[in-house]
Amino acid sequence: MEKNLAAIGKKKGGLTLPALLAPDAKTAEKIIEFFTAQIRNKNTRKAYAKAVGNFAA
């Protein structure tokens, strides 16, 4: 149940978001923005993204 971001206009290095996190393009953009802009520490960003991905899978 993953949506490819290319299908909704957002592709970041082959990144895909689970359908739960990307019901539409605007939501997908906000999710990507959150994980790339609002969390300063790179390692924390990766850990959060992994945890959310595991939760949504």
N, C-alpha and C. Protein backbone atom coordinates (compact mmCIF):
# COMPACT_ATOMS: atom_id res chain seq x y z
N MET A 1 0.81 -1.20 0.00
CA MET A 1 0.00 0.00 0.00
C MET A 1 0.85 1.26 0.00
N GLU A 2 1.88 1.29 -0.79
CA GLU A 2 2.69 2.49 -0.86
C GLU A 2 2.36 3.26 -2.12
N LYS A 3 2.39 4.57 -1.99
CA LYS A 3 2.22 5.43 -3.15
C LYS A 3 3.60 5.97 -3.52
N ASN A 4 3.92 5.88 -4.76
CA ASN A 4 5.17 6.46 -5.21
C ASN A 4 4.99 7.96 -5.29
N LEU A 5 5.94 8.70 -4.74
CA LEU A 5 5.82 10.16 -4.73
C LEU A 5 5.82 10.74 -6.13
N ALA A 6 6.39 10.04 -7.09
CA ALA A 6 6.36 10.53 -8.46
C ALA A 6 4.92 10.63 -8.95
N ALA A 7 4.07 9.73 -8.46
CA ALA A 7 2.67 9.72 -8.89
C ALA A 7 1.92 10.93 -8.35
N ILE A 8 2.41 11.52 -7.26
CA ILE A 8 1.75 12.69 -6.72
C ILE A 8 2.63 13.93 -6.86
N GLY A 9 3.63 13.83 -7.71
CA GLY A 9 4.45 14.99 -8.03
C GLY A 9 5.63 15.24 -7.13
N LYS A 10 5.94 14.34 -6.23
CA LYS A 10 7.09 14.53 -5.33
C LYS A 10 7.94 13.27 -5.31
N LYS A 11 9.09 13.32 -5.91
CA LYS A 11 10.01 12.20 -5.87
C LYS A 11 11.34 12.71 -5.34
N LYS A 12 11.80 12.13 -4.28
CA LYS A 12 13.06 12.52 -3.66
C LYS A 12 13.96 11.31 -3.61
N GLY A 13 14.76 11.11 -4.63
CA GLY A 13 15.71 10.00 -4.64
C GLY A 13 15.05 8.64 -4.51
N GLY A 14 13.93 8.44 -5.15
CA GLY A 14 13.25 7.16 -5.09
C GLY A 14 12.46 6.94 -3.81
N LEU A 15 12.26 7.98 -3.02
CA LEU A 15 11.52 7.89 -1.77
C LEU A 15 10.06 7.57 -2.02
N THR A 16 9.52 6.67 -1.23
CA THR A 16 8.09 6.38 -1.28
C THR A 16 7.50 6.56 0.10
N LEU A 17 6.28 6.98 0.14
CA LEU A 17 5.57 7.13 1.41
C LEU A 17 4.41 6.14 1.45
N PRO A 18 4.17 5.54 2.62
CA PRO A 18 3.00 4.67 2.75
C PRO A 18 1.72 5.49 2.51
N ALA A 19 0.69 4.85 2.01
CA ALA A 19 -0.57 5.53 1.71
C ALA A 19 -1.15 6.23 2.93
N LEU A 20 -0.91 5.69 4.12
CA LEU A 20 -1.38 6.31 5.35
C LEU A 20 -0.84 7.73 5.51
N LEU A 21 0.41 7.95 5.07
CA LEU A 21 1.05 9.25 5.22
C LEU A 21 0.89 10.14 4.00
N ALA A 22 0.39 9.60 2.92
CA ALA A 22 0.28 10.39 1.69
C ALA A 22 -1.07 10.18 1.00
N PRO A 23 -2.16 10.54 1.68
CA PRO A 23 -3.46 10.37 1.04
C PRO A 23 -3.66 11.33 -0.13
N ASP A 24 -2.91 12.43 -0.11
CA ASP A 24 -2.96 13.38 -1.22
C ASP A 24 -1.61 14.10 -1.31
N ALA A 25 -1.43 14.86 -2.36
CA ALA A 25 -0.13 15.51 -2.60
C ALA A 25 0.22 16.52 -1.51
N LYS A 26 -0.75 17.26 -1.02
CA LYS A 26 -0.47 18.28 0.00
C LYS A 26 0.03 17.64 1.30
N THR A 27 -0.60 16.55 1.71
CA THR A 27 -0.18 15.85 2.91
C THR A 27 1.21 15.27 2.75
N ALA A 28 1.47 14.66 1.60
CA ALA A 28 2.80 14.10 1.34
C ALA A 28 3.87 15.18 1.41
N GLU A 29 3.57 16.34 0.85
CA GLU A 29 4.53 17.45 0.88
C GLU A 29 4.81 17.89 2.31
N LYS A 30 3.77 17.94 3.14
CA LYS A 30 3.96 18.35 4.54
C LYS A 30 4.78 17.32 5.32
N ILE A 31 4.56 16.04 5.05
CA ILE A 31 5.33 14.98 5.71
C ILE A 31 6.80 15.12 5.34
N ILE A 32 7.07 15.28 4.05
CA ILE A 32 8.46 15.43 3.60
C ILE A 32 9.08 16.68 4.20
N GLU A 33 8.34 17.77 4.22
CA GLU A 33 8.85 19.02 4.79
C GLU A 33 9.18 18.84 6.27
N PHE A 34 8.32 18.16 7.01
CA PHE A 34 8.56 17.94 8.43
C PHE A 34 9.87 17.20 8.66
N PHE A 35 10.07 16.12 7.91
CA PHE A 35 11.26 15.31 8.13
C PHE A 35 12.53 15.90 7.51
N THR A 36 12.42 16.91 6.68
CA THR A 36 13.61 17.50 6.09
C THR A 36 13.92 18.88 6.63
N ALA A 37 12.95 19.56 7.22
CA ALA A 37 13.19 20.93 7.65
C ALA A 37 13.07 21.15 9.15
N GLN A 38 12.11 20.53 9.80
CA GLN A 38 11.82 20.87 11.19
C GLN A 38 12.67 20.11 12.20
N ILE A 39 13.27 19.01 11.83
CA ILE A 39 14.13 18.27 12.74
C ILE A 39 15.56 18.56 12.34
N ARG A 40 16.28 19.29 13.16
CA ARG A 40 17.61 19.75 12.81
C ARG A 40 18.66 18.65 12.73
N ASN A 41 18.65 17.77 13.71
CA ASN A 41 19.68 16.74 13.79
C ASN A 41 19.41 15.64 12.76
N LYS A 42 20.40 15.38 11.91
CA LYS A 42 20.27 14.40 10.84
C LYS A 42 19.96 13.01 11.37
N ASN A 43 20.62 12.60 12.45
CA ASN A 43 20.41 11.26 13.00
C ASN A 43 19.01 11.12 13.61
N THR A 44 18.55 12.17 14.27
CA THR A 44 17.20 12.15 14.83
C THR A 44 16.17 12.08 13.71
N ARG A 45 16.39 12.84 12.65
CA ARG A 45 15.50 12.83 11.49
C ARG A 45 15.38 11.42 10.92
N LYS A 46 16.52 10.75 10.76
CA LYS A 46 16.52 9.38 10.23
C LYS A 46 15.80 8.43 11.16
N ALA A 47 16.05 8.54 12.45
CA ALA A 47 15.40 7.66 13.43
C ALA A 47 13.89 7.86 13.45
N TYR A 48 13.44 9.11 13.41
CA TYR A 48 12.00 9.40 13.38
C TYR A 48 11.37 8.86 12.11
N ALA A 49 12.03 9.08 10.98
CA ALA A 49 11.50 8.62 9.70
C ALA A 49 11.38 7.09 9.71
N LYS A 50 12.38 6.42 10.26
CA LYS A 50 12.34 4.96 10.33
C LYS A 50 11.20 4.49 11.23
N ALA A 51 11.05 5.13 12.38
CA ALA A 51 9.98 4.75 13.32
C ALA A 51 8.60 4.97 12.71
N VAL A 52 8.42 6.09 12.05
CA VAL A 52 7.12 6.37 11.41
C VAL A 52 6.87 5.40 10.27
N GLY A 53 7.91 5.08 9.51
CA GLY A 53 7.77 4.11 8.43
C GLY A 53 7.39 2.74 8.95
N ASN A 54 8.00 2.32 10.06
CA ASN A 54 7.66 1.04 10.68
C ASN A 54 6.21 1.04 11.19
N PHE A 55 5.81 2.15 11.78
CA PHE A 55 4.44 2.27 12.29
C PHE A 55 3.42 2.19 11.15
N ALA A 56 3.70 2.87 10.07
CA ALA A 56 2.75 2.96 8.96
C ALA A 56 2.73 1.74 8.07
N ALA A 57 3.74 0.86 8.20
CA ALA A 57 3.82 -0.32 7.33
C ALA A 57 2.77 -1.35 7.66
